[in-house]
Amino acid sequence: MKSADLNLLVHFDALMTCRSVSRAAIQLGITQPAMSAALSRLRRLFNDPLFLRDEGLWHPTQRAQELYQSFQPLVARWRSETLPREEFDPVTAHRVLSIFVSDYLQFAALPKVIAALSKAAPGISLRVFKLFQGLNMIETNHVELVIGHYPQPLPALRARFLFEERAVCIVRNNHPCLHKRWNLDSLLTYPHVYIAGHTGQFSQQIDEALKAVNRIRRIGASLSSYLACPFVVGTTDFVAILPSSVAHAFQKMSRSTILEVPLPLPAVNVSMYWHERHHDDPAHTWIRQLIAESISS
């Protein structure tokens, strides 16, 4: 039996990050027919279409996303380890990295990142932005990295999956719903806290899941901060749906109770995004690898 060509991993990585056969071919310096041939071989190898075209864009299948989560860290680590060492020394480097992260991820992810960065590269610091353009800030070069939950990322950007967590529901302690059967009707009986965040992606997915079962929720308050939400819930009869890490961290302080969400919701998938202009920068590559490793540790 002939072994699979490991070069196909590089082709697969380019297709996942570019979401375009032609752009992936340019990125790897090969012809478009050669990239199309690689895609055909990948489809035969994994017995899956991997990418489906819709309205001019290529969207990865569920199988492709699962494979990418497994393979991409290996590809990124290989690139990091094979970079010429003399081009970048984290111990002596001095650089400010501009990054866009919501308050939820500043809480859930950045403490580990900053701690690891301060030890390995004391001359490199992060400058965190709190603006509202999200991924567009990468294309306009306002920031070099974005970490966040984007179910439909811009196809031209590079990406690396970091982690996922589930969503949970929170109510105040002694909330009236706790004395009744907890189900979707109970969830929708009370006003909700809508988390607008910086993109609204998280709350939009909740509304889409409700729409799929012909239901809507009543909004009692709309917040831009995930971290403020538990404290609003703790002083009202409002209910809220939050990433599990935030709900559990503030449960005691906000005097709230955590419940399962009686509605099928996708996991909160958090990835790191960057532009092609930074992809081969040795310092940038090293920092991305440190971020991924520190968050997963």
C-alpha atoms as a PDB file:
ATOM      1  CA  MET A   1       0.000   0.000   0.000  1.00  0.00           C
ATOM      2  CA  LYS A   2       1.383   3.348  -1.024  1.00  0.00           C
ATOM      3  CA  SER A   3       1.827   5.855   1.803  1.00  0.00           C
ATOM      4  CA  ALA A   4      -0.040   9.167   1.687  1.00  0.00           C
ATOM      5  CA  ASP A   5       1.985  12.160   0.486  1.00  0.00           C
ATOM      6  CA  LEU A   6       2.684  14.280   3.572  1.00  0.00           C
ATOM      7  CA  ASN A   7       2.986  17.333   1.314  1.00  0.00           C
ATOM      8  CA  LEU A   8      -0.796  17.163   1.107  1.00  0.00           C
ATOM      9  CA  LEU A   9      -0.885  18.497   4.672  1.00  0.00           C
ATOM     10  CA  VAL A  10       0.619  21.753   3.433  1.00  0.00           C
ATOM     11  CA  HIS A  11      -1.924  21.925   0.605  1.00  0.00           C
ATOM     12  CA  PHE A  12      -4.757  21.213   3.046  1.00  0.00           C
ATOM     13  CA  ASP A  13      -3.506  23.935   5.405  1.00  0.00           C
ATOM     14  CA  ALA A  14      -3.397  26.465   2.562  1.00  0.00           C
ATOM     15  CA  LEU A  15      -6.929  25.570   1.449  1.00  0.00           C
ATOM     16  CA  MET A  16      -8.274  25.904   4.989  1.00  0.00           C
ATOM     17  CA  THR A  17      -6.657  29.284   5.567  1.00  0.00           C
ATOM     18  CA  CYS A  18      -7.333  30.802   2.139  1.00  0.00           C
ATOM     19  CA  ARG A  19     -10.728  29.165   1.430  1.00  0.00           C
ATOM     20  CA  SER A  20      -9.902  29.535  -2.242  1.00  0.00           C
ATOM     21  CA  VAL A  21      -8.122  27.204  -4.673  1.00  0.00           C
ATOM     22  CA  SER A  22      -6.549  30.082  -6.592  1.00  0.00           C
ATOM     23  CA  ARG A  23      -5.358  31.968  -3.482  1.00  0.00           C
ATOM     24  CA  ALA A  24      -4.042  28.760  -1.936  1.00  0.00           C
ATOM     25  CA  ALA A  25      -2.085  28.084  -5.123  1.00  0.00           C
ATOM     26  CA  ILE A  26      -0.563  31.578  -5.037  1.00  0.00           C
ATOM     27  CA  GLN A  27       0.340  31.152  -1.379  1.00  0.00           C
ATOM     28  CA  LEU A  28       2.251  27.932  -2.104  1.00  0.00           C
ATOM     29  CA  GLY A  29       3.743  29.163  -5.377  1.00  0.00           C
ATOM     30  CA  ILE A  30       2.116  26.466  -7.506  1.00  0.00           C
ATOM     31  CA  THR A  31      -0.359  26.537 -10.384  1.00  0.00           C
ATOM     32  CA  GLN A  32      -4.103  26.478  -9.856  1.00  0.00           C
ATOM     33  CA  PRO A  33      -4.434  23.102 -11.672  1.00  0.00           C
ATOM     34  CA  ALA A  34      -1.809  21.659  -9.319  1.00  0.00           C
ATOM     35  CA  MET A  35      -3.777  22.878  -6.304  1.00  0.00           C
ATOM     36  CA  SER A  36      -7.015  21.489  -7.768  1.00  0.00           C
ATOM     37  CA  ALA A  37      -5.265  18.149  -8.242  1.00  0.00           C
ATOM     38  CA  ALA A  38      -4.108  18.226  -4.614  1.00  0.00           C
ATOM     39  CA  LEU A  39      -7.684  18.911  -3.482  1.00  0.00           C
ATOM     40  CA  SER A  40      -8.903  15.931  -5.512  1.00  0.00           C
ATOM     41  CA  ARG A  41      -6.285  13.699  -3.881  1.00  0.00           C
ATOM     42  CA  LEU A  42      -7.272  14.960  -0.429  1.00  0.00           C
ATOM     43  CA  ARG A  43     -10.918  14.198  -1.152  1.00  0.00           C
ATOM     44  CA  ARG A  44     -10.076  10.651  -2.207  1.00  0.00           C
ATOM     45  CA  LEU A  45      -7.765  10.178   0.769  1.00  0.00           C
ATOM     46  CA  PHE A  46     -10.363  11.189   3.351  1.00  0.00           C
ATOM     47  CA  ASN A  47     -13.458  10.095   1.392  1.00  0.00           C
ATOM     48  CA  ASP A  48     -15.061  13.483   1.933  1.00  0.00           C
ATOM     49  CA  PRO A  49     -15.612  16.569  -0.288  1.00  0.00           C
ATOM     50  CA  LEU A  50     -13.786  18.655   2.391  1.00  0.00           C
ATOM     51  CA  PHE A  51     -14.831  21.953   0.759  1.00  0.00           C
ATOM     52  CA  LEU A  52     -18.206  22.920  -0.710  1.00  0.00           C
ATOM     53  CA  ARG A  53     -18.734  25.980  -2.887  1.00  0.00           C
ATOM     54  CA  ASP A  54     -21.550  28.349  -1.926  1.00  0.00           C
ATOM     55  CA  GLU A  55     -22.119  31.832  -3.355  1.00  0.00           C
ATOM     56  CA  GLY A  56     -18.596  31.992  -4.715  1.00  0.00           C
ATOM     57  CA  LEU A  57     -16.903  30.920  -1.472  1.00  0.00           C
ATOM     58  CA  TRP A  58     -15.443  27.582  -0.421  1.00  0.00           C
ATOM     59  CA  HIS A  59     -16.715  26.371   2.963  1.00  0.00           C
ATOM     60  CA  PRO A  60     -15.051  23.477   4.820  1.00  0.00           C
ATOM     61  CA  THR A  61     -17.159  20.466   5.739  1.00  0.00           C
ATOM     62  CA  GLN A  62     -17.412  19.224   9.301  1.00  0.00           C
ATOM     63  CA  ARG A  63     -14.860  16.520   8.448  1.00  0.00           C
ATOM     64  CA  ALA A  64     -12.437  19.162   7.137  1.00  0.00           C
ATOM     65  CA  GLN A  65     -12.779  21.205  10.325  1.00  0.00           C
ATOM     66  CA  GLU A  66     -12.084  18.129  12.453  1.00  0.00           C
ATOM     67  CA  LEU A  67      -9.002  17.256  10.395  1.00  0.00           C
ATOM     68  CA  TYR A  68      -7.750  20.825  10.556  1.00  0.00           C
ATOM     69  CA  GLN A  69      -7.964  20.901  14.331  1.00  0.00           C
ATOM     70  CA  SER A  70      -5.791  17.777  14.410  1.00  0.00           C
ATOM     71  CA  PHE A  71      -3.280  18.615  11.682  1.00  0.00           C
ATOM     72  CA  GLN A  72      -2.815  22.388  11.817  1.00  0.00           C
ATOM     73  CA  PRO A  73      -0.873  22.487  15.106  1.00  0.00           C
ATOM     74  CA  LEU A  74       1.576  19.956  13.649  1.00  0.00           C
ATOM     75  CA  VAL A  75       2.080  22.028  10.513  1.00  0.00           C
ATOM     76  CA  ALA A  76       2.491  25.237  12.530  1.00  0.00           C
ATOM     77  CA  ARG A  77       4.969  23.599  14.893  1.00  0.00           C
ATOM     78  CA  TRP A  78       6.998  22.233  11.966  1.00  0.00           C
ATOM     79  CA  ARG A  79       7.212  25.702  10.415  1.00  0.00           C
ATOM     80  CA  SER A  80       8.183  27.241  13.744  1.00  0.00           C
ATOM     81  CA  GLU A  81      10.912  24.682  14.433  1.00  0.00           C
ATOM     82  CA  THR A  82      12.411  24.907  10.941  1.00  0.00           C
ATOM     83  CA  LEU A  83      12.717  28.699  10.843  1.00  0.00           C
ATOM     84  CA  PRO A  84      16.327  29.931  10.839  1.00  0.00           C
ATOM     85  CA  ARG A  85      17.173  30.472  14.484  1.00  0.00           C
ATOM     86  CA  GLU A  86      19.420  33.447  13.834  1.00  0.00           C
ATOM     87  CA  GLU A  87      16.532  35.496  12.437  1.00  0.00           C
ATOM     88  CA  PHE A  88      14.703  35.813  15.745  1.00  0.00           C
ATOM     89  CA  ASP A  89      15.789  35.583  19.364  1.00  0.00           C
ATOM     90  CA  PRO A  90      12.840  35.987  21.768  1.00  0.00           C
ATOM     91  CA  VAL A  91      15.143  36.705  24.705  1.00  0.00           C
ATOM     92  CA  THR A  92      16.594  39.843  23.104  1.00  0.00           C
ATOM     93  CA  ALA A  93      13.687  40.847  20.840  1.00  0.00           C
ATOM     94  CA  HIS A  94      11.774  44.082  21.398  1.00  0.00           C
ATOM     95  CA  ARG A  95       8.347  44.401  19.831  1.00  0.00           C
ATOM     96  CA  VAL A  96       4.786  45.534  20.578  1.00  0.00           C
ATOM     97  CA  LEU A  97       2.133  43.197  19.167  1.00  0.00           C
ATOM     98  CA  SER A  98      -1.263  44.767  18.529  1.00  0.00           C
ATOM     99  CA  ILE A  99      -4.124  42.361  19.182  1.00  0.00           C
ATOM    100  CA  PHE A 100      -7.924  42.481  19.303  1.00  0.00           C
ATOM    101  CA  VAL A 101      -9.629  40.369  21.992  1.00  0.00           C
ATOM    102  CA  SER A 102     -13.056  40.639  23.633  1.00  0.00           C
ATOM    103  CA  ASP A 103     -13.284  41.077  27.398  1.00  0.00           C
ATOM    104  CA  TYR A 104     -14.384  37.435  27.664  1.00  0.00           C
ATOM    105  CA  LEU A 105     -11.154  36.204  26.096  1.00  0.00           C
ATOM    106  CA  GLN A 106      -9.017  38.783  27.853  1.00  0.00           C
ATOM    107  CA  PHE A 107     -10.278  37.024  30.976  1.00  0.00           C
ATOM    108  CA  ALA A 108     -10.283  33.414  29.725  1.00  0.00           C
ATOM    109  CA  ALA A 109      -7.080  33.333  27.655  1.00  0.00           C
ATOM    110  CA  LEU A 110      -4.783  36.334  27.992  1.00  0.00           C
ATOM    111  CA  PRO A 111      -3.499  35.792  31.553  1.00  0.00           C
ATOM    112  CA  LYS A 112      -1.759  32.566  30.470  1.00  0.00           C
ATOM    113  CA  VAL A 113      -0.458  34.201  27.292  1.00  0.00           C
ATOM    114  CA  ILE A 114       0.984  37.254  29.040  1.00  0.00           C
ATOM    115  CA  ALA A 115       2.561  35.135  31.784  1.00  0.00           C
ATOM    116  CA  ALA A 116       4.268  32.892  29.210  1.00  0.00           C
ATOM    117  CA  LEU A 117       5.339  35.852  27.075  1.00  0.00           C
ATOM    118  CA  SER A 118       6.841  37.755  29.995  1.00  0.00           C
ATOM    119  CA  LYS A 119       9.048  34.772  30.844  1.00  0.00           C
ATOM    120  CA  ALA A 120      10.114  33.736  27.342  1.00  0.00           C
ATOM    121  CA  ALA A 121      10.352  37.174  25.701  1.00  0.00           C
ATOM    122  CA  PRO A 122      10.433  40.007  28.262  1.00  0.00           C
ATOM    123  CA  GLY A 123      10.991  42.606  25.535  1.00  0.00           C
ATOM    124  CA  ILE A 124       7.772  41.723  23.679  1.00  0.00           C
ATOM    125  CA  SER A 125       4.491  43.190  24.923  1.00  0.00           C
ATOM    126  CA  LEU A 126       0.856  43.016  23.877  1.00  0.00           C
ATOM    127  CA  ARG A 127      -1.261  46.049  23.085  1.00  0.00           C
ATOM    128  CA  VAL A 128      -4.910  45.005  23.347  1.00  0.00           C
ATOM    129  CA  PHE A 129      -7.588  46.933  21.445  1.00  0.00           C
ATOM    130  CA  LYS A 130     -11.279  47.107  22.369  1.00  0.00           C
ATOM    131  CA  LEU A 131     -12.779  48.376  19.141  1.00  0.00           C
ATOM    132  CA  PHE A 132     -15.724  47.011  17.222  1.00  0.00           C
ATOM    133  CA  GLN A 133     -14.482  46.118  13.742  1.00  0.00           C
ATOM    134  CA  GLY A 134     -13.363  42.605  14.657  1.00  0.00           C
ATOM    135  CA  LEU A 135     -11.653  40.716  11.851  1.00  0.00           C
ATOM    136  CA  ASN A 136     -11.743  43.761   9.582  1.00  0.00           C
ATOM    137  CA  MET A 137      -9.091  45.296  11.806  1.00  0.00           C
ATOM    138  CA  ILE A 138      -6.607  42.736  10.454  1.00  0.00           C
ATOM    139  CA  GLU A 139      -7.265  43.604   6.822  1.00  0.00           C
ATOM    140  CA  THR A 140      -6.895  47.317   7.555  1.00  0.00           C
ATOM    141  CA  ASN A 141      -3.679  46.573   9.508  1.00  0.00           C
ATOM    142  CA  HIS A 142      -4.954  48.149  12.729  1.00  0.00           C
ATOM    143  CA  VAL A 143      -4.016  44.948  14.565  1.00  0.00           C
ATOM    144  CA  GLU A 144      -1.784  41.976  13.793  1.00  0.00           C
ATOM    145  CA  LEU A 145      -3.834  39.296  15.548  1.00  0.00           C
ATOM    146  CA  VAL A 146      -7.444  38.681  16.503  1.00  0.00           C
ATOM    147  CA  ILE A 147      -8.513  35.995  18.954  1.00  0.00           C
ATOM    148  CA  GLY A 148     -12.208  35.274  19.029  1.00  0.00           C
ATOM    149  CA  HIS A 149     -15.305  33.294  18.151  1.00  0.00           C
ATOM    150  CA  TYR A 150     -16.141  33.839  14.477  1.00  0.00           C
ATOM    151  CA  PRO A 151     -18.439  31.149  12.973  1.00  0.00           C
ATOM    152  CA  GLN A 152     -17.945  32.657   9.486  1.00  0.00           C
ATOM    153  CA  PRO A 153     -14.421  34.132   9.327  1.00  0.00           C
ATOM    154  CA  LEU A 154     -13.125  36.119   6.396  1.00  0.00           C
ATOM    155  CA  PRO A 155     -11.818  33.561   3.874  1.00  0.00           C
ATOM    156  CA  ALA A 156      -8.650  35.506   3.054  1.00  0.00           C
ATOM    157  CA  LEU A 157      -7.299  35.363   6.605  1.00  0.00           C
ATOM    158  CA  ARG A 158      -5.020  32.794   8.151  1.00  0.00           C
ATOM    159  CA  ALA A 159      -6.459  30.982  11.158  1.00  0.00           C
ATOM    160  CA  ARG A 160      -5.524  28.545  13.894  1.00  0.00           C
ATOM    161  CA  PHE A 161      -8.030  26.840  16.177  1.00  0.00           C
ATOM    162  CA  LEU A 162      -7.244  27.350  19.874  1.00  0.00           C
ATOM    163  CA  PHE A 163      -9.981  25.832  22.030  1.00  0.00           C
ATOM    164  CA  GLU A 164     -13.687  25.350  22.434  1.00  0.00           C
ATOM    165  CA  GLU A 165     -16.095  25.438  25.344  1.00  0.00           C
ATOM    166  CA  ARG A 166     -19.797  24.972  25.804  1.00  0.00           C
ATOM    167  CA  ALA A 167     -22.402  27.561  26.657  1.00  0.00           C
ATOM    168  CA  VAL A 168     -24.435  27.452  29.870  1.00  0.00           C
ATOM    169  CA  CYS A 169     -27.381  29.362  31.259  1.00  0.00           C
ATOM    170  CA  ILE A 170     -27.225  31.419  34.449  1.00  0.00           C
ATOM    171  CA  VAL A 171     -29.923  32.817  36.743  1.00  0.00           C
ATOM    172  CA  ARG A 172     -29.717  34.421  40.173  1.00  0.00           C
ATOM    173  CA  ASN A 173     -29.804  32.217  43.246  1.00  0.00           C
ATOM    174  CA  ASN A 174     -33.426  31.606  44.339  1.00  0.00           C
ATOM    175  CA  HIS A 175     -34.718  32.611  40.916  1.00  0.00           C
ATOM    176  CA  PRO A 176     -38.397  31.609  40.453  1.00  0.00           C
ATOM    177  CA  CYS A 177     -37.460  29.257  37.609  1.00  0.00           C
ATOM    178  CA  LEU A 178     -35.498  27.080  40.047  1.00  0.00           C
ATOM    179  CA  HIS A 179     -38.748  25.969  41.663  1.00  0.00           C
ATOM    180  CA  LYS A 180     -40.221  24.770  38.385  1.00  0.00           C
ATOM    181  CA  ARG A 181     -39.331  22.331  35.645  1.00  0.00           C
ATOM    182  CA  TRP A 182     -36.404  23.718  33.621  1.00  0.00           C
ATOM    183  CA  ASN A 183     -37.005  23.547  29.881  1.00  0.00           C
ATOM    184  CA  LEU A 184     -37.154  25.804  26.834  1.00  0.00           C
ATOM    185  CA  ASP A 185     -40.465  27.317  27.917  1.00  0.00           C
ATOM    186  CA  SER A 186     -38.944  28.221  31.281  1.00  0.00           C
ATOM    187  CA  LEU A 187     -35.921  29.740  29.573  1.00  0.00           C
ATOM    188  CA  LEU A 188     -38.121  31.964  27.429  1.00  0.00           C
ATOM    189  CA  THR A 189     -40.492  33.010  30.220  1.00  0.00           C
ATOM    190  CA  TYR A 190     -38.039  35.585  31.561  1.00  0.00           C
ATOM    191  CA  PRO A 191     -36.186  38.510  29.943  1.00  0.00           C
ATOM    192  CA  HIS A 192     -32.720  37.741  28.596  1.00  0.00           C
ATOM    193  CA  VAL A 193     -29.445  39.590  28.790  1.00  0.00           C
ATOM    194  CA  TYR A 194     -28.183  39.990  25.243  1.00  0.00           C
ATOM    195  CA  ILE A 195     -24.384  39.943  24.989  1.00  0.00           C
ATOM    196  CA  ALA A 196     -23.506  42.204  22.088  1.00  0.00           C
ATOM    197  CA  GLY A 197     -19.780  41.931  22.730  1.00  0.00           C
ATOM    198  CA  HIS A 198     -17.758  43.375  19.876  1.00  0.00           C
ATOM    199  CA  THR A 199     -19.334  41.358  17.083  1.00  0.00           C
ATOM    200  CA  GLY A 200     -22.545  39.845  18.461  1.00  0.00           C
ATOM    201  CA  GLN A 201     -21.603  36.464  16.985  1.00  0.00           C
ATOM    202  CA  PHE A 202     -22.250  34.522  20.186  1.00  0.00           C
ATOM    203  CA  SER A 203     -25.737  35.952  20.776  1.00  0.00           C
ATOM    204  CA  GLN A 204     -26.614  35.725  17.096  1.00  0.00           C
ATOM    205  CA  GLN A 205     -26.034  31.968  17.208  1.00  0.00           C
ATOM    206  CA  ILE A 206     -28.433  31.701  20.145  1.00  0.00           C
ATOM    207  CA  ASP A 207     -31.115  33.603  18.229  1.00  0.00           C
ATOM    208  CA  GLU A 208     -30.535  31.443  15.151  1.00  0.00           C
ATOM    209  CA  ALA A 209     -30.946  28.276  17.236  1.00  0.00           C
ATOM    210  CA  LEU A 210     -34.210  29.636  18.630  1.00  0.00           C
ATOM    211  CA  LYS A 211     -35.402  30.606  15.166  1.00  0.00           C
ATOM    212  CA  ALA A 212     -34.794  27.032  14.012  1.00  0.00           C
ATOM    213  CA  VAL A 213     -37.454  25.872  16.497  1.00  0.00           C
ATOM    214  CA  ASN A 214     -39.752  28.844  15.774  1.00  0.00           C
ATOM    215  CA  ARG A 215     -39.087  30.614  19.064  1.00  0.00           C
ATOM    216  CA  ILE A 216     -37.768  34.016  20.047  1.00  0.00           C
ATOM    217  CA  ARG A 217     -36.551  35.504  23.324  1.00  0.00           C
ATOM    218  CA  ARG A 218     -37.428  38.774  25.015  1.00  0.00           C
ATOM    219  CA  ILE A 219     -34.421  41.033  25.649  1.00  0.00           C
ATOM    220  CA  GLY A 220     -34.324  42.792  28.997  1.00  0.00           C
ATOM    221  CA  ALA A 221     -30.865  44.332  28.641  1.00  0.00           C
ATOM    222  CA  SER A 222     -28.110  44.436  26.060  1.00  0.00           C
ATOM    223  CA  LEU A 223     -24.511  44.513  27.285  1.00  0.00           C
ATOM    224  CA  SER A 224     -21.168  44.872  25.548  1.00  0.00           C
ATOM    225  CA  SER A 225     -19.373  43.050  28.380  1.00  0.00           C
ATOM    226  CA  TYR A 226     -19.480  39.330  29.050  1.00  0.00           C
ATOM    227  CA  LEU A 227     -17.943  39.900  32.481  1.00  0.00           C
ATOM    228  CA  ALA A 228     -20.665  42.325  33.624  1.00  0.00           C
ATOM    229  CA  CYS A 229     -23.436  39.925  32.672  1.00  0.00           C
ATOM    230  CA  PRO A 230     -23.341  37.612  35.741  1.00  0.00           C
ATOM    231  CA  PHE A 231     -23.709  40.602  38.053  1.00  0.00           C
ATOM    232  CA  VAL A 232     -26.729  41.945  36.151  1.00  0.00           C
ATOM    233  CA  VAL A 233     -28.302  38.499  36.309  1.00  0.00           C
ATOM    234  CA  GLY A 234     -27.485  38.262  40.024  1.00  0.00           C
ATOM    235  CA  THR A 235     -29.646  41.293  40.846  1.00  0.00           C
ATOM    236  CA  THR A 236     -32.612  40.688  38.512  1.00  0.00           C
ATOM    237  CA  ASP A 237     -34.945  37.960  37.264  1.00  0.00           C
ATOM    238  CA  PHE A 238     -33.155  38.083  33.910  1.00  0.00           C
ATOM    239  CA  VAL A 239     -31.553  34.966  32.483  1.00  0.00           C
ATOM    240  CA  ALA A 240     -28.436  34.785  30.323  1.00  0.00           C
ATOM    241  CA  ILE A 241     -26.472  32.322  28.223  1.00  0.00           C
ATOM    242  CA  LEU A 242     -22.703  32.607  28.606  1.00  0.00           C
ATOM    243  CA  PRO A 243     -19.491  30.725  27.846  1.00  0.00           C
ATOM    244  CA  SER A 244     -18.961  28.199  30.625  1.00  0.00           C
ATOM    245  CA  SER A 245     -15.647  29.686  31.815  1.00  0.00           C
ATOM    246  CA  VAL A 246     -17.219  33.070  32.576  1.00  0.00           C
ATOM    247  CA  ALA A 247     -20.280  31.585  34.268  1.00  0.00           C
ATOM    248  CA  HIS A 248     -18.251  29.358  36.588  1.00  0.00           C
ATOM    249  CA  ALA A 249     -15.612  31.971  37.435  1.00  0.00           C
ATOM    250  CA  PHE A 250     -18.157  34.544  38.589  1.00  0.00           C
ATOM    251  CA  GLN A 251     -20.814  32.206  39.981  1.00  0.00           C
ATOM    252  CA  LYS A 252     -19.999  32.798  43.649  1.00  0.00           C
ATOM    253  CA  MET A 253     -19.389  36.553  43.423  1.00  0.00           C
ATOM    254  CA  SER A 254     -22.535  37.201  41.381  1.00  0.00           C
ATOM    255  CA  ARG A 255     -24.645  34.806  43.475  1.00  0.00           C
ATOM    256  CA  SER A 256     -25.871  33.006  40.404  1.00  0.00           C
ATOM    257  CA  THR A 257     -26.889  29.455  39.592  1.00  0.00           C
ATOM    258  CA  ILE A 258     -25.684  27.610  36.499  1.00  0.00           C
ATOM    259  CA  LEU A 259     -28.112  25.542  34.419  1.00  0.00           C
ATOM    260  CA  GLU A 260     -27.844  23.568  31.222  1.00  0.00           C
ATOM    261  CA  VAL A 261     -29.123  25.325  28.117  1.00  0.00           C
ATOM    262  CA  PRO A 262     -32.345  23.540  27.055  1.00  0.00           C
ATOM    263  CA  LEU A 263     -31.538  24.202  23.421  1.00  0.00           C
ATOM    264  CA  PRO A 264     -28.983  22.655  21.047  1.00  0.00           C
ATOM    265  CA  LEU A 265     -26.214  25.210  20.649  1.00  0.00           C
ATOM    266  CA  PRO A 266     -22.890  24.952  18.807  1.00  0.00           C
ATOM    267  CA  ALA A 267     -19.757  25.047  20.925  1.00  0.00           C
ATOM    268  CA  VAL A 268     -17.937  28.344  21.382  1.00  0.00           C
ATOM    269  CA  ASN A 269     -14.989  27.801  19.037  1.00  0.00           C
ATOM    270  CA  VAL A 270     -12.128  30.221  19.612  1.00  0.00           C
ATOM    271  CA  SER A 271      -9.449  30.703  16.964  1.00  0.00           C
ATOM    272  CA  MET A 272      -6.538  33.031  16.251  1.00  0.00           C
ATOM    273  CA  TYR A 273      -6.567  35.018  12.995  1.00  0.00           C
ATOM    274  CA  TRP A 274      -3.855  36.921  11.132  1.00  0.00           C
ATOM    275  CA  HIS A 275      -3.114  38.340   7.700  1.00  0.00           C
ATOM    276  CA  GLU A 276      -0.865  36.794   5.077  1.00  0.00           C
ATOM    277  CA  ARG A 277       1.444  39.804   5.389  1.00  0.00           C
ATOM    278  CA  HIS A 278       2.564  38.510   8.805  1.00  0.00           C
ATOM    279  CA  HIS A 279       2.508  34.808   8.102  1.00  0.00           C
ATOM    280  CA  ASP A 280       6.218  34.265   7.412  1.00  0.00           C
ATOM    281  CA  ASP A 281       7.495  36.844   9.896  1.00  0.00           C
ATOM    282  CA  PRO A 282       9.689  34.767  12.285  1.00  0.00           C
ATOM    283  CA  ALA A 283       8.747  36.846  15.337  1.00  0.00           C
ATOM    284  CA  HIS A 284       5.062  36.672  14.488  1.00  0.00           C
ATOM    285  CA  THR A 285       5.276  32.928  13.915  1.00  0.00           C
ATOM    286  CA  TRP A 286       6.998  32.412  17.259  1.00  0.00           C
ATOM    287  CA  ILE A 287       4.418  34.522  19.101  1.00  0.00           C
ATOM    288  CA  ARG A 288       1.508  32.666  17.491  1.00  0.00           C
ATOM    289  CA  GLN A 289       2.998  29.353  18.573  1.00  0.00           C
ATOM    290  CA  LEU A 290       3.504  30.635  22.123  1.00  0.00           C
ATOM    291  CA  ILE A 291      -0.103  31.850  22.270  1.00  0.00           C
ATOM    292  CA  ALA A 292      -1.436  28.486  21.090  1.00  0.00           C
ATOM    293  CA  GLU A 293       0.740  26.490  23.484  1.00  0.00           C
ATOM    294  CA  SER A 294       0.062  28.694  26.524  1.00  0.00           C
ATOM    295  CA  ILE A 295      -3.713  28.642  26.020  1.00  0.00           C
ATOM    296  CA  SER A 296      -3.802  24.865  25.590  1.00  0.00           C
ATOM    297  CA  SER A 297      -1.595  24.184  28.635  1.00  0.00           C
END
